[in-house]
């Protein structure tokens, strides 16, 4: 099974973050910044606890955000790390190749 690309994962994250921010703004009546902040804090598992959904639908949406969002967030972080390491390895390989060629 092919792993999702970093672009697909980032797009999914943006949809989740944007969608949940709008949702909490409309359902919980929070400001845009509070809605965004709550979404990011929940998604990253920091969970300060200063904002808590008061409505039943808000609580359900939070559990969906935790289950779905955390999985996508974790895979995106993993893929980004893999991409960064791979890029560094290629750069090291490229630099060694050029320094070996110059020694001849």
N, C-alpha and C. Protein backbone atom coordinates (compact mmCIF):
# COMPACT_ATOMS: atom_id res chain seq x y z
N UNK A 1 0.84 -1.18 0.00
CA UNK A 1 0.00 0.00 0.00
C UNK A 1 0.89 1.25 0.00
N UNK A 2 0.60 2.16 -0.86
CA UNK A 2 1.39 3.38 -1.01
C UNK A 2 1.04 4.38 0.09
N UNK A 3 2.06 5.02 0.66
CA UNK A 3 1.85 6.01 1.71
C UNK A 3 1.39 7.33 1.09
N UNK A 4 0.53 8.06 1.81
CA UNK A 4 0.06 9.34 1.27
C UNK A 4 1.20 10.35 1.18
N UNK A 5 1.13 11.19 0.17
CA UNK A 5 2.17 12.19 0.00
C UNK A 5 2.04 13.27 1.06
N UNK A 6 3.12 13.97 1.26
CA UNK A 6 3.14 15.05 2.24
C UNK A 6 2.12 16.13 1.88
N UNK A 7 1.98 16.41 0.60
CA UNK A 7 1.01 17.42 0.16
C UNK A 7 -0.42 17.02 0.49
N UNK A 8 -0.75 15.75 0.29
CA UNK A 8 -2.09 15.26 0.61
C UNK A 8 -2.34 15.38 2.10
N UNK A 9 -1.37 15.00 2.90
CA UNK A 9 -1.52 15.07 4.36
C UNK A 9 -1.66 16.52 4.83
N UNK A 10 -0.86 17.40 4.27
CA UNK A 10 -0.97 18.82 4.65
C UNK A 10 -2.32 19.39 4.23
N UNK A 11 -2.81 18.99 3.07
CA UNK A 11 -4.13 19.45 2.63
C UNK A 11 -5.21 18.94 3.57
N UNK A 12 -5.13 17.67 3.97
CA UNK A 12 -6.09 17.12 4.93
C UNK A 12 -6.03 17.86 6.26
N UNK A 13 -4.83 18.14 6.72
CA UNK A 13 -4.68 18.91 7.96
C UNK A 13 -5.33 20.28 7.86
N UNK A 14 -5.10 20.95 6.74
CA UNK A 14 -5.69 22.28 6.54
C UNK A 14 -7.21 22.20 6.54
N UNK A 15 -7.77 21.17 5.90
CA UNK A 15 -9.22 21.00 5.87
C UNK A 15 -9.75 20.75 7.28
N UNK A 16 -9.08 19.89 8.03
CA UNK A 16 -9.51 19.59 9.39
C UNK A 16 -9.40 20.84 10.27
N UNK A 17 -8.28 21.51 10.23
CA UNK A 17 -8.08 22.71 11.06
C UNK A 17 -9.09 23.78 10.69
N UNK A 18 -9.25 24.04 9.39
CA UNK A 18 -10.21 25.06 8.95
C UNK A 18 -11.64 24.68 9.29
N UNK A 19 -12.00 23.43 9.01
CA UNK A 19 -13.37 22.98 9.27
C UNK A 19 -13.72 23.00 10.74
N UNK A 20 -12.82 22.52 11.57
CA UNK A 20 -13.08 22.50 13.01
C UNK A 20 -13.09 23.92 13.59
N UNK A 21 -12.24 24.79 13.07
CA UNK A 21 -12.25 26.18 13.53
C UNK A 21 -13.60 26.83 13.24
N UNK A 22 -14.09 26.66 12.03
CA UNK A 22 -15.41 27.20 11.67
C UNK A 22 -16.49 26.56 12.53
N UNK A 23 -16.42 25.25 12.70
CA UNK A 23 -17.41 24.53 13.50
C UNK A 23 -17.49 25.08 14.92
N UNK A 24 -16.37 25.19 15.60
CA UNK A 24 -16.38 25.66 16.98
C UNK A 24 -16.80 27.12 17.08
N UNK A 25 -16.46 27.90 16.08
CA UNK A 25 -16.90 29.30 16.06
C UNK A 25 -18.43 29.36 15.99
N UNK A 26 -19.01 28.58 15.11
CA UNK A 26 -20.47 28.61 14.93
C UNK A 26 -21.23 27.90 16.05
N UNK A 27 -20.76 26.74 16.45
CA UNK A 27 -21.50 25.93 17.43
C UNK A 27 -21.27 26.40 18.86
N UNK A 28 -20.04 26.67 19.22
CA UNK A 28 -19.73 27.06 20.60
C UNK A 28 -19.79 28.57 20.80
N UNK A 29 -19.82 29.31 19.70
CA UNK A 29 -19.89 30.77 19.80
C UNK A 29 -18.57 31.41 20.22
N UNK A 30 -17.47 30.69 20.03
CA UNK A 30 -16.16 31.22 20.38
C UNK A 30 -15.67 32.17 19.29
N UNK A 31 -14.72 33.03 19.66
CA UNK A 31 -14.10 33.89 18.66
C UNK A 31 -13.33 33.02 17.67
N UNK A 32 -12.96 33.63 16.55
CA UNK A 32 -12.19 32.88 15.55
C UNK A 32 -10.86 32.40 16.12
N UNK A 33 -10.20 33.28 16.86
CA UNK A 33 -8.89 32.92 17.41
C UNK A 33 -9.02 31.82 18.46
N UNK A 34 -10.06 31.89 19.30
CA UNK A 34 -10.28 30.84 20.30
C UNK A 34 -10.62 29.51 19.63
N UNK A 35 -11.42 29.56 18.59
CA UNK A 35 -11.78 28.34 17.86
C UNK A 35 -10.56 27.69 17.22
N UNK A 36 -9.73 28.52 16.60
CA UNK A 36 -8.50 28.02 16.00
C UNK A 36 -7.56 27.49 17.07
N UNK A 37 -7.40 28.23 18.15
CA UNK A 37 -6.52 27.85 19.24
C UNK A 37 -6.95 26.51 19.84
N UNK A 38 -8.25 26.35 20.10
CA UNK A 38 -8.76 25.10 20.65
C UNK A 38 -8.48 23.94 19.70
N UNK A 39 -8.72 24.16 18.42
CA UNK A 39 -8.47 23.11 17.42
C UNK A 39 -7.01 22.69 17.43
N UNK A 40 -6.09 23.64 17.42
CA UNK A 40 -4.67 23.33 17.39
C UNK A 40 -4.20 22.67 18.68
N UNK A 41 -4.67 23.16 19.80
CA UNK A 41 -4.28 22.59 21.10
C UNK A 41 -4.80 21.16 21.22
N UNK A 42 -6.00 20.92 20.75
CA UNK A 42 -6.57 19.57 20.80
C UNK A 42 -5.86 18.64 19.82
N UNK A 43 -5.64 19.13 18.62
CA UNK A 43 -4.99 18.33 17.58
C UNK A 43 -3.57 17.94 17.96
N UNK A 44 -2.87 18.82 18.61
CA UNK A 44 -1.48 18.55 18.99
C UNK A 44 -1.36 17.81 20.31
N UNK A 45 -2.46 17.52 20.94
CA UNK A 45 -2.57 16.82 22.24
C UNK A 45 -2.02 17.61 23.41
N UNK A 46 -1.82 18.90 23.26
CA UNK A 46 -1.36 19.71 24.38
C UNK A 46 -2.47 19.82 25.42
N UNK A 47 -3.67 20.23 24.99
CA UNK A 47 -4.83 20.26 25.87
C UNK A 47 -4.70 21.12 27.10
N UNK A 48 -4.60 22.43 26.95
CA UNK A 48 -4.49 23.33 28.09
C UNK A 48 -5.70 23.25 29.01
N UNK A 49 -6.88 23.06 28.46
CA UNK A 49 -8.09 22.97 29.28
C UNK A 49 -8.76 24.29 29.57
N UNK A 50 -8.25 25.37 29.00
CA UNK A 50 -8.87 26.68 29.25
C UNK A 50 -10.14 26.88 28.42
N UNK A 51 -10.31 26.14 27.34
CA UNK A 51 -11.53 26.15 26.54
C UNK A 51 -12.08 24.73 26.53
N UNK A 52 -13.37 24.62 26.82
CA UNK A 52 -14.02 23.30 26.84
C UNK A 52 -15.38 23.45 26.17
N UNK A 53 -15.69 22.59 25.20
CA UNK A 53 -17.01 22.67 24.56
C UNK A 53 -18.13 22.49 25.58
N UNK A 54 -19.16 23.32 25.45
CA UNK A 54 -20.29 23.26 26.37
C UNK A 54 -21.47 22.49 25.79
N UNK A 55 -21.53 22.38 24.47
CA UNK A 55 -22.65 21.70 23.83
C UNK A 55 -22.33 20.23 23.59
N UNK A 56 -23.37 19.42 23.50
CA UNK A 56 -23.18 17.99 23.23
C UNK A 56 -22.53 17.78 21.87
N UNK A 57 -22.99 18.51 20.86
CA UNK A 57 -22.43 18.36 19.52
C UNK A 57 -20.96 18.83 19.49
N UNK A 58 -20.65 19.84 20.27
CA UNK A 58 -19.26 20.31 20.38
C UNK A 58 -18.36 19.26 21.00
N UNK A 59 -18.87 18.56 22.00
CA UNK A 59 -18.10 17.49 22.64
C UNK A 59 -17.89 16.31 21.68
N UNK A 60 -18.94 15.98 20.93
CA UNK A 60 -18.82 14.90 19.94
C UNK A 60 -17.81 15.28 18.86
N UNK A 61 -17.89 16.51 18.39
CA UNK A 61 -16.95 16.97 17.36
C UNK A 61 -15.51 16.95 17.88
N UNK A 62 -15.34 17.24 19.16
CA UNK A 62 -14.00 17.19 19.75
C UNK A 62 -13.45 15.77 19.73
N UNK A 63 -14.28 14.80 20.04
CA UNK A 63 -13.81 13.41 20.00
C UNK A 63 -13.47 12.98 18.58
N UNK A 64 -14.26 13.44 17.62
CA UNK A 64 -13.96 13.14 16.21
C UNK A 64 -12.63 13.79 15.82
N UNK A 65 -12.43 15.04 16.25
CA UNK A 65 -11.18 15.74 15.98
C UNK A 65 -10.00 14.98 16.57
N UNK A 66 -10.15 14.49 17.78
CA UNK A 66 -9.07 13.76 18.43
C UNK A 66 -8.74 12.49 17.66
N UNK A 67 -9.75 11.70 17.34
CA UNK A 67 -9.52 10.41 16.69
C UNK A 67 -9.01 10.58 15.25
N UNK A 68 -9.72 11.35 14.46
CA UNK A 68 -9.34 11.51 13.05
C UNK A 68 -8.14 12.43 12.89
N UNK A 69 -8.20 13.56 13.55
CA UNK A 69 -7.16 14.56 13.38
C UNK A 69 -5.81 14.13 13.91
N UNK A 70 -5.80 13.48 15.04
CA UNK A 70 -4.53 13.07 15.63
C UNK A 70 -3.81 12.06 14.73
N UNK A 71 -4.55 11.15 14.14
CA UNK A 71 -3.94 10.18 13.23
C UNK A 71 -3.30 10.86 12.04
N UNK A 72 -4.03 11.77 11.44
CA UNK A 72 -3.51 12.50 10.27
C UNK A 72 -2.33 13.38 10.68
N UNK A 73 -2.45 14.05 11.82
CA UNK A 73 -1.38 14.90 12.33
C UNK A 73 -0.12 14.09 12.56
N UNK A 74 -0.25 12.93 13.18
CA UNK A 74 0.91 12.08 13.47
C UNK A 74 1.57 11.59 12.19
N UNK A 75 0.78 11.16 11.22
CA UNK A 75 1.34 10.69 9.95
C UNK A 75 2.02 11.84 9.22
N UNK A 76 1.42 13.03 9.25
CA UNK A 76 2.03 14.19 8.58
C UNK A 76 3.37 14.53 9.21
N UNK A 77 3.46 14.51 10.52
CA UNK A 77 4.73 14.79 11.21
C UNK A 77 5.76 13.73 10.84
N UNK A 78 5.35 12.47 10.82
CA UNK A 78 6.25 11.38 10.46
C UNK A 78 6.75 11.53 9.03
N UNK A 79 5.85 11.83 8.11
CA UNK A 79 6.24 11.99 6.70
C UNK A 79 7.15 13.19 6.51
N UNK A 80 6.87 14.29 7.21
CA UNK A 80 7.72 15.47 7.10
C UNK A 80 9.12 15.15 7.63
N UNK A 81 9.20 14.42 8.74
CA UNK A 81 10.50 14.01 9.28
C UNK A 81 11.25 13.13 8.30
N UNK A 82 10.55 12.17 7.70
CA UNK A 82 11.16 11.30 6.70
C UNK A 82 11.68 12.12 5.52
N UNK A 83 10.87 13.06 5.06
CA UNK A 83 11.25 13.92 3.93
C UNK A 83 12.50 14.73 4.27
N UNK A 84 12.54 15.31 5.46
CA UNK A 84 13.69 16.13 5.88
C UNK A 84 14.96 15.28 6.00
N UNK A 85 14.84 14.08 6.55
CA UNK A 85 16.00 13.20 6.68
C UNK A 85 16.49 12.76 5.30
N UNK A 86 15.57 12.40 4.44
CA UNK A 86 15.94 11.97 3.08
C UNK A 86 16.63 13.08 2.31
N UNK A 87 16.12 14.27 2.46
CA UNK A 87 16.72 15.41 1.78
C UNK A 87 18.14 15.67 2.28
N UNK A 88 18.33 15.55 3.59
CA UNK A 88 19.66 15.74 4.18
C UNK A 88 20.61 14.64 3.70
N UNK A 89 20.14 13.40 3.64
CA UNK A 89 20.97 12.31 3.16
C UNK A 89 21.40 12.54 1.71
N UNK A 90 20.49 13.01 0.89
CA UNK A 90 20.83 13.29 -0.51
C UNK A 90 21.86 14.41 -0.61
N UNK A 91 21.71 15.41 0.23
CA UNK A 91 22.65 16.54 0.23
C UNK A 91 24.04 16.06 0.64
N UNK A 92 24.11 15.21 1.67
CA UNK A 92 25.40 14.67 2.12
C UNK A 92 26.01 13.80 1.02
N UNK A 93 25.20 12.96 0.43
CA UNK A 93 25.68 12.09 -0.65
C UNK A 93 26.20 12.93 -1.82
N UNK A 94 25.45 13.96 -2.17
CA UNK A 94 25.84 14.83 -3.28
C UNK A 94 27.16 15.54 -2.96
N UNK A 95 27.31 16.02 -1.75
CA UNK A 95 28.52 16.74 -1.38
C UNK A 95 29.71 15.78 -1.34
N UNK A 96 29.54 14.55 -0.87
CA UNK A 96 30.62 13.57 -0.86
C UNK A 96 31.02 13.20 -2.29
N UNK A 97 30.03 13.05 -3.15
CA UNK A 97 30.30 12.69 -4.55
C UNK A 97 31.16 13.76 -5.21
N UNK A 98 30.83 15.04 -4.96
CA UNK A 98 31.58 16.13 -5.57
C UNK A 98 32.96 16.27 -4.96
N UNK A 99 33.11 16.03 -3.66
CA UNK A 99 34.43 16.15 -3.06
C UNK A 99 35.33 14.98 -3.49
N UNK A 100 34.75 13.78 -3.70
CA UNK A 100 35.52 12.64 -4.20
C UNK A 100 35.98 12.88 -5.64
N UNK A 101 35.13 13.49 -6.44
CA UNK A 101 35.45 13.76 -7.84
C UNK A 101 36.55 14.80 -7.95
N UNK A 102 36.57 15.75 -7.02
CA UNK A 102 37.58 16.80 -7.05
C UNK A 102 38.94 16.32 -6.61
N UNK A 103 39.01 15.18 -5.91
CA UNK A 103 40.27 14.65 -5.42
C UNK A 103 41.07 13.96 -6.52
N UNK A 104 40.43 13.62 -7.60
CA UNK A 104 41.11 12.91 -8.70
C UNK A 104 42.00 13.81 -9.50
